[in-house]
Amino acid sequence: MKIGLFFGSFNPIHVGHLIIANTMATSTDLEQVWFVVSPQNPFKKNKGLLHEFDRYDMVDKAIADNPKLKVSDVEFLMPKPSYTIDTLTKLQEKYPQHTFKLIIGEDNLAQFKNWKNYEAILEYYGLYVYPRPNVPPHEFGNHPAVRFFSAPLLDISATFIRESIKNRRSIRYMVADVVEEMIQRKKFYI
């Protein structure tokens, strides 16, 4: 099976994530998309990050009705911070019957050369890239391992959602109803 891996902190998962994942799962040759919940992104600070189990649960609830979308906790027992190449290698060892592709936003291409072993990611896995607004120039436009796909241009920010919650503003339509209910019930981000 050809599986797209969509990495992120998902703090919280929002409709932008869901639309991109569903678009990749239904408009490309990918058979499934797995959300890989990252305990800690090596390029981001840990401030305001919910526990990974809570973020995993929100993703799981948000995608429960879509058989083409799955959630993975593979990075939870890996050394932190997690590096994409190490996670890809671990998943390929655990699931040798699958082919994995890395899904990233086009905005990540400008800094992709800073990723650990980015050459190996390109050689063994390849990138499935979705569009992002205001993308800086990059050198990967014609790389044979980089494929570009159409998807809605969404600029929904988890930071904006967390700030809205903190300031008691509505997050309706920005997250799935089950995610909003879980955030309210557990008083996340207050």
C-alpha atoms as a PDB file:
ATOM      1  CA  MET A   1       0.000   0.000   0.000  1.00  0.00           C
ATOM      2  CA  LYS A   2       1.248   3.523  -0.771  1.00  0.00           C
ATOM      3  CA  ILE A   3       0.901   5.670   2.346  1.00  0.00           C
ATOM      4  CA  GLY A   4       1.430   9.399   2.764  1.00  0.00           C
ATOM      5  CA  LEU A   5       2.868  10.508   6.088  1.00  0.00           C
ATOM      6  CA  PHE A   6       1.671  13.862   7.367  1.00  0.00           C
ATOM      7  CA  PHE A   7       3.843  14.927  10.313  1.00  0.00           C
ATOM      8  CA  GLY A   8       2.902  17.618  12.782  1.00  0.00           C
ATOM      9  CA  SER A   9       2.340  18.614  16.353  1.00  0.00           C
ATOM     10  CA  PHE A  10      -1.419  18.966  15.630  1.00  0.00           C
ATOM     11  CA  ASN A  11      -1.742  21.319  18.594  1.00  0.00           C
ATOM     12  CA  PRO A  12      -4.705  21.172  17.925  1.00  0.00           C
ATOM     13  CA  ILE A  13      -5.622  19.409  14.704  1.00  0.00           C
ATOM     14  CA  HIS A  14      -7.749  21.782  12.639  1.00  0.00           C
ATOM     15  CA  VAL A  15      -9.779  21.757   9.425  1.00  0.00           C
ATOM     16  CA  GLY A  16      -6.758  22.852   7.393  1.00  0.00           C
ATOM     17  CA  HIS A  17      -4.933  19.654   8.383  1.00  0.00           C
ATOM     18  CA  LEU A  18      -8.023  17.555   7.684  1.00  0.00           C
ATOM     19  CA  ILE A  19      -8.664  19.085   4.263  1.00  0.00           C
ATOM     20  CA  ILE A  20      -5.035  18.642   3.164  1.00  0.00           C
ATOM     21  CA  ALA A  21      -4.925  15.017   4.373  1.00  0.00           C
ATOM     22  CA  ASN A  22      -8.248  14.146   2.753  1.00  0.00           C
ATOM     23  CA  THR A  23      -7.242  15.862  -0.501  1.00  0.00           C
ATOM     24  CA  MET A  24      -3.964  13.900  -0.593  1.00  0.00           C
ATOM     25  CA  ALA A  25      -5.779  10.643   0.222  1.00  0.00           C
ATOM     26  CA  THR A  26      -8.448  11.109  -2.449  1.00  0.00           C
ATOM     27  CA  SER A  27      -6.754  13.106  -5.230  1.00  0.00           C
ATOM     28  CA  THR A  28      -3.357  11.389  -5.526  1.00  0.00           C
ATOM     29  CA  ASP A  29      -2.130   7.811  -5.871  1.00  0.00           C
ATOM     30  CA  LEU A  30      -1.883   7.502  -2.074  1.00  0.00           C
ATOM     31  CA  GLU A  31      -4.145   4.845  -0.608  1.00  0.00           C
ATOM     32  CA  GLN A  32      -4.023   6.211   2.934  1.00  0.00           C
ATOM     33  CA  VAL A  33      -2.655   9.190   4.830  1.00  0.00           C
ATOM     34  CA  TRP A  34      -1.247   8.695   8.316  1.00  0.00           C
ATOM     35  CA  PHE A  35      -1.051  11.613  10.739  1.00  0.00           C
ATOM     36  CA  VAL A  36       2.258  11.222  12.589  1.00  0.00           C
ATOM     37  CA  VAL A  37       1.843  13.070  15.873  1.00  0.00           C
ATOM     38  CA  SER A  38       5.241  14.518  16.776  1.00  0.00           C
ATOM     39  CA  PRO A  39       6.051  14.882  20.481  1.00  0.00           C
ATOM     40  CA  GLN A  40       8.577  17.606  19.674  1.00  0.00           C
ATOM     41  CA  ASN A  41       9.512  19.263  16.388  1.00  0.00           C
ATOM     42  CA  PRO A  42      13.276  19.940  16.288  1.00  0.00           C
ATOM     43  CA  PHE A  43      12.592  23.330  14.655  1.00  0.00           C
ATOM     44  CA  LYS A  44       9.974  24.521  17.169  1.00  0.00           C
ATOM     45  CA  LYS A  45       9.860  25.385  20.852  1.00  0.00           C
ATOM     46  CA  ASN A  46       7.864  23.158  23.175  1.00  0.00           C
ATOM     47  CA  LYS A  47       5.960  26.047  24.799  1.00  0.00           C
ATOM     48  CA  GLY A  48       2.190  25.531  24.958  1.00  0.00           C
ATOM     49  CA  LEU A  49       2.345  22.014  23.548  1.00  0.00           C
ATOM     50  CA  LEU A  50      -0.315  19.673  24.909  1.00  0.00           C
ATOM     51  CA  HIS A  51       0.804  16.210  25.951  1.00  0.00           C
ATOM     52  CA  GLU A  52       1.246  13.960  22.916  1.00  0.00           C
ATOM     53  CA  PHE A  53      -1.463  11.527  24.109  1.00  0.00           C
ATOM     54  CA  ASP A  54      -4.039  14.342  24.178  1.00  0.00           C
ATOM     55  CA  ARG A  55      -3.016  15.511  20.698  1.00  0.00           C
ATOM     56  CA  TYR A  56      -3.132  11.895  19.455  1.00  0.00           C
ATOM     57  CA  ASP A  57      -6.662  11.524  20.888  1.00  0.00           C
ATOM     58  CA  MET A  58      -7.844  14.720  19.163  1.00  0.00           C
ATOM     59  CA  VAL A  59      -6.499  13.497  15.801  1.00  0.00           C
ATOM     60  CA  ASP A  60      -8.016  10.057  16.350  1.00  0.00           C
ATOM     61  CA  LYS A  61     -11.449  11.544  17.093  1.00  0.00           C
ATOM     62  CA  ALA A  62     -11.248  14.005  14.177  1.00  0.00           C
ATOM     63  CA  ILE A  63     -10.571  11.263  11.582  1.00  0.00           C
ATOM     64  CA  ALA A  64     -12.557   8.386  13.111  1.00  0.00           C
ATOM     65  CA  ASP A  65     -15.122   8.316  10.293  1.00  0.00           C
ATOM     66  CA  ASN A  66     -12.598   8.303   7.417  1.00  0.00           C
ATOM     67  CA  PRO A  67     -11.023   4.900   6.579  1.00  0.00           C
ATOM     68  CA  LYS A  68      -8.390   6.578   4.360  1.00  0.00           C
ATOM     69  CA  LEU A  69      -6.958   8.503   7.322  1.00  0.00           C
ATOM     70  CA  LYS A  70      -5.062   6.969  10.265  1.00  0.00           C
ATOM     71  CA  VAL A  71      -3.097   8.311  13.224  1.00  0.00           C
ATOM     72  CA  SER A  72       0.326   7.084  14.335  1.00  0.00           C
ATOM     73  CA  ASP A  73       2.136   7.340  17.661  1.00  0.00           C
ATOM     74  CA  VAL A  74       5.387   5.905  16.260  1.00  0.00           C
ATOM     75  CA  GLU A  75       7.452   8.857  17.525  1.00  0.00           C
ATOM     76  CA  PHE A  76       6.242   8.613  21.133  1.00  0.00           C
ATOM     77  CA  LEU A  77       8.911   6.070  22.111  1.00  0.00           C
ATOM     78  CA  MET A  78      11.656   7.499  19.906  1.00  0.00           C
ATOM     79  CA  PRO A  79      14.406   9.856  21.155  1.00  0.00           C
ATOM     80  CA  LYS A  80      13.329  13.503  21.285  1.00  0.00           C
ATOM     81  CA  PRO A  81      13.409  15.602  19.271  1.00  0.00           C
ATOM     82  CA  SER A  82      12.286  13.241  16.521  1.00  0.00           C
ATOM     83  CA  TYR A  83      13.854  13.544  13.095  1.00  0.00           C
ATOM     84  CA  THR A  84      11.770  12.703  10.043  1.00  0.00           C
ATOM     85  CA  ILE A  85      14.362  10.376   8.495  1.00  0.00           C
ATOM     86  CA  ASP A  86      14.539   8.301  11.694  1.00  0.00           C
ATOM     87  CA  THR A  87      10.752   7.977  11.806  1.00  0.00           C
ATOM     88  CA  LEU A  88      10.578   7.054   8.122  1.00  0.00           C
ATOM     89  CA  THR A  89      13.241   4.385   8.655  1.00  0.00           C
ATOM     90  CA  LYS A  90      11.422   2.986  11.703  1.00  0.00           C
ATOM     91  CA  LEU A  91       8.089   2.826   9.860  1.00  0.00           C
ATOM     92  CA  GLN A  92       9.679   1.173   6.808  1.00  0.00           C
ATOM     93  CA  GLU A  93      11.264  -1.475   9.063  1.00  0.00           C
ATOM     94  CA  LYS A  94       7.957  -2.061  10.889  1.00  0.00           C
ATOM     95  CA  TYR A  95       5.844  -2.114   7.698  1.00  0.00           C
ATOM     96  CA  PRO A  96       8.087  -3.381   4.866  1.00  0.00           C
ATOM     97  CA  GLN A  97       5.011  -4.166   2.752  1.00  0.00           C
ATOM     98  CA  HIS A  98       4.161  -0.446   2.455  1.00  0.00           C
ATOM     99  CA  THR A  99       5.662   2.377   0.412  1.00  0.00           C
ATOM    100  CA  PHE A 100       5.866   5.653   2.311  1.00  0.00           C
ATOM    101  CA  LYS A 101       5.791   9.182   0.908  1.00  0.00           C
ATOM    102  CA  LEU A 102       6.343  12.318   2.963  1.00  0.00           C
ATOM    103  CA  ILE A 103       3.615  14.978   2.707  1.00  0.00           C
ATOM    104  CA  ILE A 104       4.812  18.535   3.321  1.00  0.00           C
ATOM    105  CA  GLY A 105       3.673  22.055   2.609  1.00  0.00           C
ATOM    106  CA  GLU A 106       5.501  23.939  -0.116  1.00  0.00           C
ATOM    107  CA  ASP A 107       6.657  26.467   2.499  1.00  0.00           C
ATOM    108  CA  ASN A 108       8.925  23.757   3.988  1.00  0.00           C
ATOM    109  CA  LEU A 109      10.941  23.370   0.782  1.00  0.00           C
ATOM    110  CA  ALA A 110      13.013  26.512   1.388  1.00  0.00           C
ATOM    111  CA  GLN A 111      14.457  24.981   4.571  1.00  0.00           C
ATOM    112  CA  PHE A 112      14.336  21.334   3.492  1.00  0.00           C
ATOM    113  CA  LYS A 113      18.132  21.221   3.049  1.00  0.00           C
ATOM    114  CA  ASN A 114      18.394  21.814   6.825  1.00  0.00           C
ATOM    115  CA  TRP A 115      16.558  18.582   7.608  1.00  0.00           C
ATOM    116  CA  LYS A 116      18.622  15.671   8.886  1.00  0.00           C
ATOM    117  CA  ASN A 117      19.619  13.435   5.939  1.00  0.00           C
ATOM    118  CA  TYR A 118      17.294  15.245   3.539  1.00  0.00           C
ATOM    119  CA  GLU A 119      19.032  13.491   0.612  1.00  0.00           C
ATOM    120  CA  ALA A 120      18.004  10.085   1.980  1.00  0.00           C
ATOM    121  CA  ILE A 121      14.406  11.293   2.374  1.00  0.00           C
ATOM    122  CA  LEU A 122      14.387  12.256  -1.296  1.00  0.00           C
ATOM    123  CA  GLU A 123      16.132   9.074  -2.458  1.00  0.00           C
ATOM    124  CA  TYR A 124      14.146   6.498  -0.495  1.00  0.00           C
ATOM    125  CA  TYR A 125      10.763   8.142   0.120  1.00  0.00           C
ATOM    126  CA  GLY A 126      10.106  11.275  -1.920  1.00  0.00           C
ATOM    127  CA  LEU A 127       7.946  14.280  -1.210  1.00  0.00           C
ATOM    128  CA  TYR A 128       4.295  14.943  -1.947  1.00  0.00           C
ATOM    129  CA  VAL A 129       3.964  18.714  -1.731  1.00  0.00           C
ATOM    130  CA  TYR A 130       0.790  20.729  -1.239  1.00  0.00           C
ATOM    131  CA  PRO A 131       0.645  24.475  -2.025  1.00  0.00           C
ATOM    132  CA  ARG A 132       1.070  27.157   0.623  1.00  0.00           C
ATOM    133  CA  PRO A 133       0.635  30.932   0.309  1.00  0.00           C
ATOM    134  CA  ASN A 134       3.654  33.256   0.009  1.00  0.00           C
ATOM    135  CA  VAL A 135       6.242  30.554  -0.662  1.00  0.00           C
ATOM    136  CA  PRO A 136       9.870  31.689  -0.847  1.00  0.00           C
ATOM    137  CA  PRO A 137      12.008  30.478  -3.761  1.00  0.00           C
ATOM    138  CA  HIS A 138      13.427  26.969  -3.468  1.00  0.00           C
ATOM    139  CA  GLU A 139      15.500  24.617  -5.595  1.00  0.00           C
ATOM    140  CA  PHE A 140      13.250  21.563  -5.550  1.00  0.00           C
ATOM    141  CA  GLY A 141      10.769  22.532  -8.270  1.00  0.00           C
ATOM    142  CA  ASN A 142      12.165  20.073 -10.834  1.00  0.00           C
ATOM    143  CA  HIS A 143      13.551  17.387  -8.537  1.00  0.00           C
ATOM    144  CA  PRO A 144      12.352  13.937  -9.704  1.00  0.00           C
ATOM    145  CA  ALA A 145      11.484  12.839  -6.144  1.00  0.00           C
ATOM    146  CA  VAL A 146       9.324  15.906  -5.471  1.00  0.00           C
ATOM    147  CA  ARG A 147       5.731  15.865  -6.720  1.00  0.00           C
ATOM    148  CA  PHE A 148       3.403  18.837  -6.453  1.00  0.00           C
ATOM    149  CA  PHE A 149      -0.350  18.455  -6.016  1.00  0.00           C
ATOM    150  CA  SER A 150      -3.268  20.848  -6.077  1.00  0.00           C
ATOM    151  CA  ALA A 151      -5.027  21.431  -2.790  1.00  0.00           C
ATOM    152  CA  PRO A 152      -6.990  24.292  -1.250  1.00  0.00           C
ATOM    153  CA  LEU A 153      -4.822  27.177  -0.081  1.00  0.00           C
ATOM    154  CA  LEU A 154      -5.695  27.391   3.593  1.00  0.00           C
ATOM    155  CA  ASP A 155      -3.980  29.599   6.108  1.00  0.00           C
ATOM    156  CA  ILE A 156      -5.503  28.372   9.352  1.00  0.00           C
ATOM    157  CA  SER A 157      -3.143  28.569  12.286  1.00  0.00           C
ATOM    158  CA  ALA A 158      -3.113  26.372  15.393  1.00  0.00           C
ATOM    159  CA  THR A 159      -1.550  29.360  17.169  1.00  0.00           C
ATOM    160  CA  PHE A 160      -4.581  31.496  16.245  1.00  0.00           C
ATOM    161  CA  ILE A 161      -6.898  28.739  17.500  1.00  0.00           C
ATOM    162  CA  ARG A 162      -5.041  28.464  20.831  1.00  0.00           C
ATOM    163  CA  GLU A 163      -5.127  32.269  21.240  1.00  0.00           C
ATOM    164  CA  SER A 164      -8.852  32.282  20.472  1.00  0.00           C
ATOM    165  CA  ILE A 165      -9.476  29.662  23.148  1.00  0.00           C
ATOM    166  CA  LYS A 166      -7.350  31.557  25.678  1.00  0.00           C
ATOM    167  CA  ASN A 167      -9.352  34.719  24.935  1.00  0.00           C
ATOM    168  CA  ARG A 168     -12.697  32.865  25.096  1.00  0.00           C
ATOM    169  CA  ARG A 169     -13.474  33.385  21.397  1.00  0.00           C
ATOM    170  CA  SER A 170     -15.250  30.829  19.235  1.00  0.00           C
ATOM    171  CA  ILE A 171     -13.232  28.226  17.322  1.00  0.00           C
ATOM    172  CA  ARG A 172     -16.306  26.865  15.589  1.00  0.00           C
ATOM    173  CA  TYR A 173     -15.611  25.741  11.994  1.00  0.00           C
ATOM    174  CA  MET A 174     -11.841  25.914  12.579  1.00  0.00           C
ATOM    175  CA  VAL A 175     -11.734  22.470  14.199  1.00  0.00           C
ATOM    176  CA  ALA A 176     -13.951  19.405  13.927  1.00  0.00           C
ATOM    177  CA  ASP A 177     -16.917  19.420  16.309  1.00  0.00           C
ATOM    178  CA  VAL A 178     -15.516  16.426  18.244  1.00  0.00           C
ATOM    179  CA  VAL A 179     -12.213  18.274  18.698  1.00  0.00           C
ATOM    180  CA  GLU A 180     -13.958  21.432  19.906  1.00  0.00           C
ATOM    181  CA  GLU A 181     -15.994  19.364  22.376  1.00  0.00           C
ATOM    182  CA  MET A 182     -12.844  17.652  23.690  1.00  0.00           C
ATOM    183  CA  ILE A 183     -11.008  20.986  24.050  1.00  0.00           C
ATOM    184  CA  GLN A 184     -13.922  22.459  26.025  1.00  0.00           C
ATOM    185  CA  ARG A 185     -14.469  19.376  28.181  1.00  0.00           C
ATOM    186  CA  LYS A 186     -10.786  19.008  29.116  1.00  0.00           C
ATOM    187  CA  LYS A 187     -10.189  22.785  29.280  1.00  0.00           C
ATOM    188  CA  PHE A 188      -7.230  22.629  26.910  1.00  0.00           C
ATOM    189  CA  TYR A 189      -5.305  25.835  26.082  1.00  0.00           C
ATOM    190  CA  ILE A 190      -7.018  27.986  28.742  1.00  0.00           C
END
